[in-house]
Amino acid sequence: MGDIEQPKVLVPYPGPQGDGSIQDIFVYLRPETNGVLVESVLLKVIQTHPFARDHVKLVYLANFPGEYIVANHIIERHYSHKFFFAVHGKNAFTDRIRAEFEQTFGKTVDEADVIGSFEALREFKMTPEELFSTWVAAKDVLSVEGQTIKRINDRYVVNYDMPALLHKNNRGTDIAVMMFRCSGMSDRFNDVGSAMRDALVEKEILPANLPAQRAFHFSKGPFEQLLDATHYLVTPDLVPVPADQLSFVRYAMDRGFEPKELLEVVRSPICAFEQSDGTIVEENILAYTVHDTYDEALTKLRSMRSQLWIR
C-alpha cells in the first residue's frame, strides 16, 4: 500500500448535524468525466442556482486515485448487491423479480435463457463497453429492486453495466468526491442535478443525448447517503469516518437505532416491508427511500419484516 497514491482531502468533513434539518448529499464524478473543469462547472452551478445558492453548501471534497480504488476494491464493495446478481443471475432472483420478469418479457424465468453480465461477455465475445453500449428497445429492459435485466438476442443479461463499471474504474482514472449539506426539501436537489447536467452539456463535456448519471452520481436518499459515506468519506489522515459520525446515523441513534442496523440494511438492501394495511411489499431500501426525509426513511425501516442477505 505504501507505493499506491493515496486520496487527497481538500475540504475536510466537519462532522454530523443530526437534528434532521439537513441532508448530506454526495456527488462524485464518473471516471470518464472526472477533471478540474467538471468540478468547477458543478461548483459554479451550486453558486448560481436559485435553490442551491441559499440551501446547499460544500462541506467535503476529496480526490480518490484510481489505483487506490482498485487496490481497496471500492467499486466491488460499493455495488456488492448488484455484483451479486450479475454473478449469480437468475439463481439470485426473488419472487418479485421473477413476477416482474414474467410480466415484462412474457415468459417465466425458468424457461428463459438468463445469464449474468460476466458470463455474457464470454457468450457474446464482447468487451465490457460493447455490452454496456448495446442498444435495445425500452420494452427489452426491466429495472426492478435495483437490478437491470436487458434482453439481447433472446438472452436476458442481468446487470449488463457491471463489467463496464469495473473496466472504467481502473488504475488510471481518479474520482472527485464532493459532499453538499442541503437544507430544505431533499428532492429539490433533483433540480440542482438537472442544472449540473445542462451546464456540462453547454460546455460540451457531456453529449446532449446522455443522462446526468453518465457524468456524475448524487445520493438520492438517506440510505444511499450512508452507502456513499461508507466508501468515500475519509478524514485528512485517510481514516474512514465512523458511521456514528454521519448526520443520518446520528439522527437515527437518537431514535433508538444502532449504526450496525443501518449498515447491515445498506449492505443487503432488498427487504420485505409491511404496509399500513398489513400487506407485505418487497423493495430495495435504497430506491424505497429516495427523496425521503430522515424521519420518513426510519419509518420505513421500522416496517421491515425480513431481508435478503447478500454475502
C-alpha atoms as a PDB file:
ATOM      1  CA  MET A   1       0.000   0.000   0.000  1.00  0.00           C
ATOM      2  CA  GLY A   2       2.933   2.332   0.569  1.00  0.00           C
ATOM      3  CA  ASP A   3       3.582   2.796  -3.167  1.00  0.00           C
ATOM      4  CA  ILE A   4      -0.066   3.427  -4.014  1.00  0.00           C
ATOM      5  CA  GLU A   5      -1.130   7.028  -4.461  1.00  0.00           C
ATOM      6  CA  GLN A   6      -3.436   7.963  -1.616  1.00  0.00           C
ATOM      7  CA  PRO A   7      -6.617  10.095  -1.607  1.00  0.00           C
ATOM      8  CA  LYS A   8      -6.282  13.810  -1.020  1.00  0.00           C
ATOM      9  CA  VAL A   9      -8.836  15.542   1.192  1.00  0.00           C
ATOM     10  CA  LEU A  10      -9.136  19.154   0.063  1.00  0.00           C
ATOM     11  CA  VAL A  11     -12.155  20.144   2.194  1.00  0.00           C
ATOM     12  CA  PRO A  12     -12.364  18.079   5.440  1.00  0.00           C
ATOM     13  CA  TYR A  13     -15.705  16.758   6.671  1.00  0.00           C
ATOM     14  CA  PRO A  14     -16.924  18.997   9.530  1.00  0.00           C
ATOM     15  CA  GLY A  15     -18.816  16.310  11.474  1.00  0.00           C
ATOM     16  CA  PRO A  16     -22.504  15.431  11.777  1.00  0.00           C
ATOM     17  CA  GLN A  17     -25.544  17.633  12.064  1.00  0.00           C
ATOM     18  CA  GLY A  18     -28.042  15.145  13.349  1.00  0.00           C
ATOM     19  CA  ASP A  19     -31.146  17.221  14.026  1.00  0.00           C
ATOM     20  CA  GLY A  20     -32.818  16.262  10.750  1.00  0.00           C
ATOM     21  CA  SER A  21     -32.817  19.791   9.325  1.00  0.00           C
ATOM     22  CA  ILE A  22     -30.271  18.915   6.617  1.00  0.00           C
ATOM     23  CA  GLN A  23     -29.198  16.047   4.392  1.00  0.00           C
ATOM     24  CA  ASP A  24     -25.603  15.315   3.409  1.00  0.00           C
ATOM     25  CA  ILE A  25     -25.678  14.555  -0.311  1.00  0.00           C
ATOM     26  CA  PHE A  26     -22.662  13.077  -2.069  1.00  0.00           C
ATOM     27  CA  VAL A  27     -21.787  13.963  -5.642  1.00  0.00           C
ATOM     28  CA  TYR A  28     -18.993  12.100  -7.380  1.00  0.00           C
ATOM     29  CA  LEU A  29     -17.855  12.246 -10.953  1.00  0.00           C
ATOM     30  CA  ARG A  30     -17.810   9.251 -13.245  1.00  0.00           C
ATOM     31  CA  PRO A  31     -14.274   8.350 -14.376  1.00  0.00           C
ATOM     32  CA  GLU A  32     -14.963   9.355 -17.976  1.00  0.00           C
ATOM     33  CA  THR A  33     -15.889  12.917 -16.933  1.00  0.00           C
ATOM     34  CA  ASN A  34     -13.580  13.466 -13.990  1.00  0.00           C
ATOM     35  CA  GLY A  35     -11.371  16.516 -14.034  1.00  0.00           C
ATOM     36  CA  VAL A  36     -10.856  20.003 -12.664  1.00  0.00           C
ATOM     37  CA  LEU A  37     -13.021  21.554 -15.389  1.00  0.00           C
ATOM     38  CA  VAL A  38     -16.009  19.382 -14.487  1.00  0.00           C
ATOM     39  CA  GLU A  39     -15.553  20.100 -10.780  1.00  0.00           C
ATOM     40  CA  SER A  40     -15.524  23.827 -11.453  1.00  0.00           C
ATOM     41  CA  VAL A  41     -18.652  23.604 -13.634  1.00  0.00           C
ATOM     42  CA  LEU A  42     -20.578  21.746 -10.942  1.00  0.00           C
ATOM     43  CA  LEU A  43     -19.446  24.094  -8.174  1.00  0.00           C
ATOM     44  CA  LYS A  44     -20.440  27.076 -10.319  1.00  0.00           C
ATOM     45  CA  VAL A  45     -23.956  25.651 -10.505  1.00  0.00           C
ATOM     46  CA  ILE A  46     -24.083  25.498  -6.707  1.00  0.00           C
ATOM     47  CA  GLN A  47     -23.108  29.175  -6.545  1.00  0.00           C
ATOM     48  CA  THR A  48     -25.681  30.354  -9.077  1.00  0.00           C
ATOM     49  CA  HIS A  49     -28.689  28.004  -8.867  1.00  0.00           C
ATOM     50  CA  PRO A  50     -31.604  29.768  -7.079  1.00  0.00           C
ATOM     51  CA  PHE A  51     -32.209  26.913  -4.611  1.00  0.00           C
ATOM     52  CA  ALA A  52     -28.620  25.744  -4.198  1.00  0.00           C
ATOM     53  CA  ARG A  53     -27.266  29.242  -3.609  1.00  0.00           C
ATOM     54  CA  ASP A  54     -29.218  29.528  -0.349  1.00  0.00           C
ATOM     55  CA  HIS A  55     -29.668  25.890   0.700  1.00  0.00           C
ATOM     56  CA  VAL A  56     -26.617  23.901  -0.447  1.00  0.00           C
ATOM     57  CA  LYS A  57     -23.092  24.173   0.952  1.00  0.00           C
ATOM     58  CA  LEU A  58     -19.936  22.248   0.040  1.00  0.00           C
ATOM     59  CA  VAL A  59     -18.679  20.562   3.221  1.00  0.00           C
ATOM     60  CA  TYR A  60     -16.334  17.856   1.864  1.00  0.00           C
ATOM     61  CA  LEU A  61     -14.111  17.477  -1.185  1.00  0.00           C
ATOM     62  CA  ALA A  62     -11.636  14.687  -1.885  1.00  0.00           C
ATOM     63  CA  ASN A  63      -9.875  13.087  -4.822  1.00  0.00           C
ATOM     64  CA  PHE A  64      -9.607   9.281  -4.916  1.00  0.00           C
ATOM     65  CA  PRO A  65      -6.847   7.958  -7.222  1.00  0.00           C
ATOM     66  CA  GLY A  66      -7.792   5.062  -9.457  1.00  0.00           C
ATOM     67  CA  GLU A  67      -5.067   2.778  -8.142  1.00  0.00           C
ATOM     68  CA  TYR A  68      -6.313   3.334  -4.576  1.00  0.00           C
ATOM     69  CA  ILE A  69      -9.881   2.472  -5.656  1.00  0.00           C
ATOM     70  CA  VAL A  70      -8.696  -0.696  -7.413  1.00  0.00           C
ATOM     71  CA  ALA A  71      -6.397  -1.825  -4.583  1.00  0.00           C
ATOM     72  CA  ASN A  72      -9.157  -1.405  -1.997  1.00  0.00           C
ATOM     73  CA  HIS A  73     -11.891  -2.959  -4.181  1.00  0.00           C
ATOM     74  CA  ILE A  74     -14.102   0.062  -3.557  1.00  0.00           C
ATOM     75  CA  ILE A  75     -16.244  -0.415  -6.663  1.00  0.00           C
ATOM     76  CA  GLU A  76     -16.907  -4.087  -5.910  1.00  0.00           C
ATOM     77  CA  ARG A  77     -17.813  -3.299  -2.310  1.00  0.00           C
ATOM     78  CA  HIS A  78     -19.911  -0.247  -3.174  1.00  0.00           C
ATOM     79  CA  TYR A  79     -22.015  -2.161  -5.718  1.00  0.00           C
ATOM     80  CA  SER A  80     -21.843  -5.522  -3.964  1.00  0.00           C
ATOM     81  CA  HIS A  81     -25.595  -6.156  -4.220  1.00  0.00           C
ATOM     82  CA  LYS A  82     -25.525  -5.532  -7.983  1.00  0.00           C
ATOM     83  CA  PHE A  83     -22.413  -7.688  -8.469  1.00  0.00           C
ATOM     84  CA  PHE A  84     -24.136 -10.450  -6.508  1.00  0.00           C
ATOM     85  CA  PHE A  85     -26.945 -10.543  -9.076  1.00  0.00           C
ATOM     86  CA  ALA A  86     -24.550 -10.075 -12.013  1.00  0.00           C
ATOM     87  CA  VAL A  87     -22.609 -13.163 -10.922  1.00  0.00           C
ATOM     88  CA  HIS A  88     -25.474 -15.397  -9.786  1.00  0.00           C
ATOM     89  CA  GLY A  89     -28.020 -14.447 -12.450  1.00  0.00           C
ATOM     90  CA  LYS A  90     -31.480 -15.917 -12.046  1.00  0.00           C
ATOM     91  CA  ASN A  91     -30.390 -18.030  -9.085  1.00  0.00           C
ATOM     92  CA  ALA A  92     -30.476 -14.812  -7.052  1.00  0.00           C
ATOM     93  CA  PHE A  93     -33.922 -13.696  -8.238  1.00  0.00           C
ATOM     94  CA  THR A  94     -36.547 -13.011  -5.600  1.00  0.00           C
ATOM     95  CA  ASP A  95     -40.246 -13.739  -6.024  1.00  0.00           C
ATOM     96  CA  ARG A  96     -40.919 -10.138  -7.042  1.00  0.00           C
ATOM     97  CA  ILE A  97     -38.156 -10.109  -9.652  1.00  0.00           C
ATOM     98  CA  ARG A  98     -39.484 -13.369 -11.086  1.00  0.00           C
ATOM     99  CA  ALA A  99     -43.030 -11.975 -11.247  1.00  0.00           C
ATOM    100  CA  GLU A 100     -41.997  -8.725 -12.924  1.00  0.00           C
ATOM    101  CA  PHE A 101     -39.736 -10.623 -15.335  1.00  0.00           C
ATOM    102  CA  GLU A 102     -42.692 -12.717 -16.478  1.00  0.00           C
ATOM    103  CA  GLN A 103     -44.942  -9.663 -16.787  1.00  0.00           C
ATOM    104  CA  THR A 104     -42.350  -7.713 -18.805  1.00  0.00           C
ATOM    105  CA  PHE A 105     -40.982 -10.425 -21.069  1.00  0.00           C
ATOM    106  CA  GLY A 106     -43.942 -12.794 -21.340  1.00  0.00           C
ATOM    107  CA  LYS A 107     -42.143 -15.941 -20.203  1.00  0.00           C
ATOM    108  CA  THR A 108     -41.088 -17.466 -16.904  1.00  0.00           C
ATOM    109  CA  VAL A 109     -37.584 -17.099 -15.552  1.00  0.00           C
ATOM    110  CA  ASP A 110     -37.114 -20.870 -15.679  1.00  0.00           C
ATOM    111  CA  GLU A 111     -37.865 -21.140 -19.398  1.00  0.00           C
ATOM    112  CA  ALA A 112     -35.871 -18.015 -20.322  1.00  0.00           C
ATOM    113  CA  ASP A 113     -32.140 -18.008 -21.057  1.00  0.00           C
ATOM    114  CA  VAL A 114     -30.994 -15.729 -18.218  1.00  0.00           C
ATOM    115  CA  ILE A 115     -27.266 -15.076 -17.772  1.00  0.00           C
ATOM    116  CA  GLY A 116     -25.147 -12.783 -15.622  1.00  0.00           C
ATOM    117  CA  SER A 117     -23.223  -9.986 -17.302  1.00  0.00           C
ATOM    118  CA  PHE A 118     -19.783 -11.545 -16.818  1.00  0.00           C
ATOM    119  CA  GLU A 119     -20.994 -14.746 -18.461  1.00  0.00           C
ATOM    120  CA  ALA A 120     -22.482 -12.569 -21.225  1.00  0.00           C
ATOM    121  CA  LEU A 121     -19.027 -11.188 -22.061  1.00  0.00           C
ATOM    122  CA  ARG A 122     -17.858 -14.721 -22.813  1.00  0.00           C
ATOM    123  CA  GLU A 123     -21.023 -15.813 -24.592  1.00  0.00           C
ATOM    124  CA  PHE A 124     -21.271 -12.729 -26.844  1.00  0.00           C
ATOM    125  CA  LYS A 125     -17.488 -12.291 -27.190  1.00  0.00           C
ATOM    126  CA  MET A 126     -17.936  -8.620 -26.314  1.00  0.00           C
ATOM    127  CA  THR A 127     -15.845  -6.119 -24.415  1.00  0.00           C
ATOM    128  CA  PRO A 128     -17.395  -4.575 -21.276  1.00  0.00           C
ATOM    129  CA  GLU A 129     -18.029  -1.321 -23.176  1.00  0.00           C
ATOM    130  CA  GLU A 130     -19.652  -3.140 -26.102  1.00  0.00           C
ATOM    131  CA  LEU A 131     -22.011  -4.938 -23.736  1.00  0.00           C
ATOM    132  CA  PHE A 132     -22.779  -1.698 -21.929  1.00  0.00           C
ATOM    133  CA  SER A 133     -23.456   0.185 -25.172  1.00  0.00           C
ATOM    134  CA  THR A 134     -25.618  -2.454 -26.851  1.00  0.00           C
ATOM    135  CA  TRP A 135     -28.843  -0.644 -27.688  1.00  0.00           C
ATOM    136  CA  VAL A 136     -32.194  -2.318 -27.163  1.00  0.00           C
ATOM    137  CA  ALA A 137     -35.764  -1.017 -27.161  1.00  0.00           C
ATOM    138  CA  ALA A 138     -37.309   0.147 -23.886  1.00  0.00           C
ATOM    139  CA  LYS A 139     -39.593  -2.898 -23.862  1.00  0.00           C
ATOM    140  CA  ASP A 140     -36.488  -5.112 -23.653  1.00  0.00           C
ATOM    141  CA  VAL A 141     -35.249  -3.622 -20.378  1.00  0.00           C
ATOM    142  CA  LEU A 142     -36.540  -4.357 -16.882  1.00  0.00           C
ATOM    143  CA  SER A 143     -35.389  -2.398 -13.835  1.00  0.00           C
ATOM    144  CA  VAL A 144     -36.521  -3.872 -10.525  1.00  0.00           C
ATOM    145  CA  GLU A 145     -35.176  -3.758  -6.965  1.00  0.00           C
ATOM    146  CA  GLY A 146     -32.002  -2.011  -8.072  1.00  0.00           C
ATOM    147  CA  GLN A 147     -31.232  -4.614 -10.742  1.00  0.00           C
ATOM    148  CA  THR A 148     -31.438  -4.230 -14.524  1.00  0.00           C
ATOM    149  CA  ILE A 149     -32.207  -7.025 -16.960  1.00  0.00           C
ATOM    150  CA  LYS A 150     -31.645  -6.410 -20.676  1.00  0.00           C
ATOM    151  CA  ARG A 151     -32.848  -8.727 -23.446  1.00  0.00           C
ATOM    152  CA  ILE A 152     -30.108  -9.163 -26.063  1.00  0.00           C
ATOM    153  CA  ASN A 153     -30.624 -11.672 -28.884  1.00  0.00           C
ATOM    154  CA  ASP A 154     -33.211 -13.644 -26.881  1.00  0.00           C
ATOM    155  CA  ARG A 155     -30.901 -13.855 -23.881  1.00  0.00           C
ATOM    156  CA  TYR A 156     -31.555 -11.951 -20.695  1.00  0.00           C
ATOM    157  CA  VAL A 157     -28.471 -10.271 -19.232  1.00  0.00           C
ATOM    158  CA  VAL A 158     -28.505  -9.327 -15.547  1.00  0.00           C
ATOM    159  CA  ASN A 159     -26.825  -6.016 -14.648  1.00  0.00           C
ATOM    160  CA  TYR A 160     -25.178  -5.576 -18.024  1.00  0.00           C
ATOM    161  CA  ASP A 161     -23.403  -2.422 -16.784  1.00  0.00           C
ATOM    162  CA  MET A 162     -21.277  -4.033 -14.074  1.00  0.00           C
ATOM    163  CA  PRO A 163     -18.314  -5.189 -16.221  1.00  0.00           C
ATOM    164  CA  ALA A 164     -18.037  -1.717 -17.793  1.00  0.00           C
ATOM    165  CA  LEU A 165     -18.185  -0.094 -14.373  1.00  0.00           C
ATOM    166  CA  LEU A 166     -15.210  -2.179 -13.268  1.00  0.00           C
ATOM    167  CA  HIS A 167     -13.392  -1.556 -16.536  1.00  0.00           C
ATOM    168  CA  LYS A 168     -13.840   2.233 -16.412  1.00  0.00           C
ATOM    169  CA  ASN A 169     -12.721   2.473 -12.795  1.00  0.00           C
ATOM    170  CA  ASN A 170      -9.128   1.429 -13.384  1.00  0.00           C
ATOM    171  CA  ARG A 171      -5.731   2.497 -12.131  1.00  0.00           C
ATOM    172  CA  GLY A 172      -5.623   5.474 -14.484  1.00  0.00           C
ATOM    173  CA  THR A 173      -8.967   7.012 -13.516  1.00  0.00           C
ATOM    174  CA  ASP A 174      -9.411   9.197 -10.464  1.00  0.00           C
ATOM    175  CA  ILE A 175     -12.734  10.123  -8.880  1.00  0.00           C
ATOM    176  CA  ALA A 176     -13.551  13.500  -7.355  1.00  0.00           C
ATOM    177  CA  VAL A 177     -15.983  13.175  -4.430  1.00  0.00           C
ATOM    178  CA  MET A 178     -17.963  16.110  -3.066  1.00  0.00           C
ATOM    179  CA  MET A 179     -20.473  16.245  -0.244  1.00  0.00           C
ATOM    180  CA  PHE A 180     -23.046  19.016  -0.016  1.00  0.00           C
ATOM    181  CA  ARG A 181     -25.046  19.861   3.096  1.00  0.00           C
ATOM    182  CA  CYS A 182     -28.545  20.557   1.870  1.00  0.00           C
ATOM    183  CA  SER A 183     -31.307  22.236   3.868  1.00  0.00           C
ATOM    184  CA  GLY A 184     -34.895  22.333   2.671  1.00  0.00           C
ATOM    185  CA  MET A 185     -36.590  19.573   0.694  1.00  0.00           C
ATOM    186  CA  SER A 186     -34.045  16.983  -0.457  1.00  0.00           C
ATOM    187  CA  ASP A 187     -35.946  16.313  -3.692  1.00  0.00           C
ATOM    188  CA  ARG A 188     -35.056  19.862  -4.754  1.00  0.00           C
ATOM    189  CA  PHE A 189     -31.526  18.542  -5.345  1.00  0.00           C
ATOM    190  CA  ASN A 190     -33.008  16.879  -8.441  1.00  0.00           C
ATOM    191  CA  ASP A 191     -33.339  20.376  -9.880  1.00  0.00           C
ATOM    192  CA  VAL A 192     -29.723  21.057  -8.980  1.00  0.00           C
ATOM    193  CA  GLY A 193     -28.655  17.810 -10.646  1.00  0.00           C
ATOM    194  CA  SER A 194     -30.547  18.771 -13.801  1.00  0.00           C
ATOM    195  CA  ALA A 195     -28.848  22.169 -13.802  1.00  0.00           C
ATOM    196  CA  MET A 196     -25.471  20.448 -13.426  1.00  0.00           C
ATOM    197  CA  ARG A 197     -26.219  18.242 -16.417  1.00  0.00           C
ATOM    198  CA  ASP A 198     -27.315  21.220 -18.510  1.00  0.00           C
ATOM    199  CA  ALA A 199     -24.109  23.062 -17.613  1.00  0.00           C
ATOM    200  CA  LEU A 200     -21.991  20.069 -18.681  1.00  0.00           C
ATOM    201  CA  VAL A 201     -23.871  19.854 -21.987  1.00  0.00           C
ATOM    202  CA  GLU A 202     -23.402  23.583 -22.554  1.00  0.00           C
ATOM    203  CA  LYS A 203     -19.648  23.182 -22.009  1.00  0.00           C
ATOM    204  CA  GLU A 204     -19.693  20.214 -24.428  1.00  0.00           C
ATOM    205  CA  ILE A 205     -18.398  17.910 -21.702  1.00  0.00           C
ATOM    206  CA  LEU A 206     -21.496  15.707 -21.833  1.00  0.00           C
ATOM    207  CA  PRO A 207     -23.325  14.834 -25.081  1.00  0.00           C
ATOM    208  CA  ALA A 208     -26.845  16.260 -25.142  1.00  0.00           C
ATOM    209  CA  ASN A 209     -28.411  12.801 -25.563  1.00  0.00           C
ATOM    210  CA  LEU A 210     -26.863  11.311 -22.414  1.00  0.00           C
ATOM    211  CA  PRO A 211     -28.475  11.450 -18.957  1.00  0.00           C
ATOM    212  CA  ALA A 212     -26.813  13.091 -15.971  1.00  0.00           C
ATOM    213  CA  GLN A 213     -25.966   9.730 -14.369  1.00  0.00           C
ATOM    214  CA  ARG A 214     -23.479   9.049 -17.159  1.00  0.00           C
ATOM    215  CA  ALA A 215     -21.431  12.034 -15.904  1.00  0.00           C
ATOM    216  CA  PHE A 216     -21.925  12.049 -12.147  1.00  0.00           C
ATOM    217  CA  HIS A 217     -23.730  10.366  -9.271  1.00  0.00           C
ATOM    218  CA  PHE A 218     -25.581  12.025  -6.426  1.00  0.00           C
ATOM    219  CA  SER A 219     -27.151  10.471  -3.336  1.00  0.00           C
ATOM    220  CA  LYS A 220     -30.911  10.271  -3.729  1.00  0.00           C
ATOM    221  CA  GLY A 221     -31.952   9.312  -0.221  1.00  0.00           C
ATOM    222  CA  PRO A 222     -30.726   8.837   3.355  1.00  0.00           C
ATOM    223  CA  PHE A 223     -29.645   5.208   2.900  1.00  0.00           C
ATOM    224  CA  GLU A 224     -27.821   5.994  -0.322  1.00  0.00           C
ATOM    225  CA  GLN A 225     -26.044   8.781   1.572  1.00  0.00           C
ATOM    226  CA  LEU A 226     -24.928   6.168   4.091  1.00  0.00           C
ATOM    227  CA  LEU A 227     -23.725   3.845   1.322  1.00  0.00           C
ATOM    228  CA  ASP A 228     -21.742   6.649  -0.308  1.00  0.00           C
ATOM    229  CA  ALA A 229     -20.232   7.724   3.011  1.00  0.00           C
ATOM    230  CA  THR A 230     -19.140   4.170   3.789  1.00  0.00           C
ATOM    231  CA  HIS A 231     -16.725   4.123   0.864  1.00  0.00           C
ATOM    232  CA  TYR A 232     -15.898   7.728   0.062  1.00  0.00           C
ATOM    233  CA  LEU A 233     -15.834   9.726   3.294  1.00  0.00           C
ATOM    234  CA  VAL A 234     -12.414   9.833   4.978  1.00  0.00           C
ATOM    235  CA  THR A 235     -10.540  12.122   7.339  1.00  0.00           C
ATOM    236  CA  PRO A 236      -7.425  14.052   6.210  1.00  0.00           C
ATOM    237  CA  ASP A 237      -5.464  11.157   7.755  1.00  0.00           C
ATOM    238  CA  LEU A 238      -7.378   8.814   5.400  1.00  0.00           C
ATOM    239  CA  VAL A 239      -9.267   7.091   8.201  1.00  0.00           C
ATOM    240  CA  PRO A 240     -12.858   6.206   7.237  1.00  0.00           C
ATOM    241  CA  VAL A 241     -15.290   8.425   9.105  1.00  0.00           C
ATOM    242  CA  PRO A 242     -17.131   6.175  11.612  1.00  0.00           C
ATOM    243  CA  ALA A 243     -20.815   5.587  10.949  1.00  0.00           C
ATOM    244  CA  ASP A 244     -21.808   7.243  14.218  1.00  0.00           C
ATOM    245  CA  GLN A 245     -20.264  10.473  12.915  1.00  0.00           C
ATOM    246  CA  LEU A 246     -22.689  10.708   9.976  1.00  0.00           C
ATOM    247  CA  SER A 247     -25.679  13.031  10.133  1.00  0.00           C
ATOM    248  CA  PHE A 248     -28.298  10.399   9.211  1.00  0.00           C
ATOM    249  CA  VAL A 249     -26.836   7.815  11.570  1.00  0.00           C
ATOM    250  CA  ARG A 250     -26.643  10.327  14.421  1.00  0.00           C
ATOM    251  CA  TYR A 251     -30.303  11.222  13.840  1.00  0.00           C
ATOM    252  CA  ALA A 252     -31.225   7.518  13.850  1.00  0.00           C
ATOM    253  CA  MET A 253     -29.199   6.807  17.011  1.00  0.00           C
ATOM    254  CA  ASP A 254     -31.142   9.483  18.855  1.00  0.00           C
ATOM    255  CA  ARG A 255     -34.263   7.492  17.953  1.00  0.00           C
ATOM    256  CA  GLY A 256     -33.097   4.107  19.171  1.00  0.00           C
ATOM    257  CA  PHE A 257     -31.236   2.637  16.202  1.00  0.00           C
ATOM    258  CA  GLU A 258     -27.718   1.234  16.265  1.00  0.00           C
ATOM    259  CA  PRO A 259     -25.233   2.057  13.483  1.00  0.00           C
ATOM    260  CA  LYS A 260     -24.836  -1.673  12.813  1.00  0.00           C
ATOM    261  CA  GLU A 261     -28.542  -1.973  11.943  1.00  0.00           C
ATOM    262  CA  LEU A 262     -28.290   0.758   9.323  1.00  0.00           C
ATOM    263  CA  LEU A 263     -25.070  -0.590   7.820  1.00  0.00           C
ATOM    264  CA  GLU A 264     -26.490  -4.110   7.512  1.00  0.00           C
ATOM    265  CA  VAL A 265     -29.576  -2.947   5.636  1.00  0.00           C
ATOM    266  CA  VAL A 266     -27.408  -0.939   3.222  1.00  0.00           C
ATOM    267  CA  ARG A 267     -25.175  -3.956   2.538  1.00  0.00           C
ATOM    268  CA  SER A 268     -28.187  -6.214   1.878  1.00  0.00           C
ATOM    269  CA  PRO A 269     -30.810  -3.694   0.725  1.00  0.00           C
ATOM    270  CA  ILE A 270     -33.591  -5.951  -0.615  1.00  0.00           C
ATOM    271  CA  CYS A 271     -36.139  -6.291   2.161  1.00  0.00           C
ATOM    272  CA  ALA A 272     -39.797  -7.031   2.830  1.00  0.00           C
ATOM    273  CA  PHE A 273     -41.771  -4.146   4.321  1.00  0.00           C
ATOM    274  CA  GLU A 274     -45.196  -4.183   5.949  1.00  0.00           C
ATOM    275  CA  GLN A 275     -47.667  -1.593   4.662  1.00  0.00           C
ATOM    276  CA  SER A 276     -50.279   0.213   6.729  1.00  0.00           C
ATOM    277  CA  ASP A 277     -52.952  -2.252   5.534  1.00  0.00           C
ATOM    278  CA  GLY A 278     -50.867  -5.247   6.645  1.00  0.00           C
ATOM    279  CA  THR A 279     -49.702  -6.299   3.176  1.00  0.00           C
ATOM    280  CA  ILE A 280     -46.023  -7.006   2.519  1.00  0.00           C
ATOM    281  CA  VAL A 281     -44.049  -5.409  -0.300  1.00  0.00           C
ATOM    282  CA  GLU A 282     -40.550  -6.327  -1.441  1.00  0.00           C
ATOM    283  CA  GLU A 283     -38.289  -3.336  -2.130  1.00  0.00           C
ATOM    284  CA  ASN A 284     -34.667  -2.256  -2.359  1.00  0.00           C
ATOM    285  CA  ILE A 285     -34.390   0.196   0.523  1.00  0.00           C
ATOM    286  CA  LEU A 286     -32.038   2.427  -1.486  1.00  0.00           C
ATOM    287  CA  ALA A 287     -34.823   3.007  -4.035  1.00  0.00           C
ATOM    288  CA  TYR A 288     -37.668   2.749  -1.497  1.00  0.00           C
ATOM    289  CA  THR A 289     -36.393   5.778   0.430  1.00  0.00           C
ATOM    290  CA  VAL A 290     -35.460   8.042  -2.498  1.00  0.00           C
ATOM    291  CA  HIS A 291     -36.008  11.703  -1.539  1.00  0.00           C
ATOM    292  CA  ASP A 292     -37.275  10.719   1.929  1.00  0.00           C
ATOM    293  CA  THR A 293     -36.593  12.819   4.983  1.00  0.00           C
ATOM    294  CA  TYR A 294     -34.582  11.110   7.700  1.00  0.00           C
ATOM    295  CA  ASP A 295     -37.799  10.529   9.643  1.00  0.00           C
ATOM    296  CA  GLU A 296     -39.615   9.028   6.642  1.00  0.00           C
ATOM    297  CA  ALA A 297     -36.696   6.700   5.939  1.00  0.00           C
ATOM    298  CA  LEU A 298     -36.630   5.465   9.533  1.00  0.00           C
ATOM    299  CA  THR A 299     -40.404   4.894   9.499  1.00  0.00           C
ATOM    300  CA  LYS A 300     -39.922   2.567   6.532  1.00  0.00           C
ATOM    301  CA  LEU A 301     -37.012   0.829   8.258  1.00  0.00           C
ATOM    302  CA  ARG A 302     -39.231   0.143  11.261  1.00  0.00           C
ATOM    303  CA  SER A 303     -41.694  -1.612   8.941  1.00  0.00           C
ATOM    304  CA  MET A 304     -39.023  -4.050   7.665  1.00  0.00           C
ATOM    305  CA  ARG A 305     -40.036  -7.657   8.330  1.00  0.00           C
ATOM    306  CA  SER A 306     -37.328  -9.677   6.521  1.00  0.00           C
ATOM    307  CA  GLN A 307     -34.178  -9.213   4.468  1.00  0.00           C
ATOM    308  CA  LEU A 308     -32.427 -10.971   1.574  1.00  0.00           C
ATOM    309  CA  TRP A 309     -28.893 -11.493   2.902  1.00  0.00           C
ATOM    310  CA  ILE A 310     -26.219 -10.820   0.310  1.00  0.00           C
ATOM    311  CA  ARG A 311     -22.731 -12.017   1.149  1.00  0.00           C
END
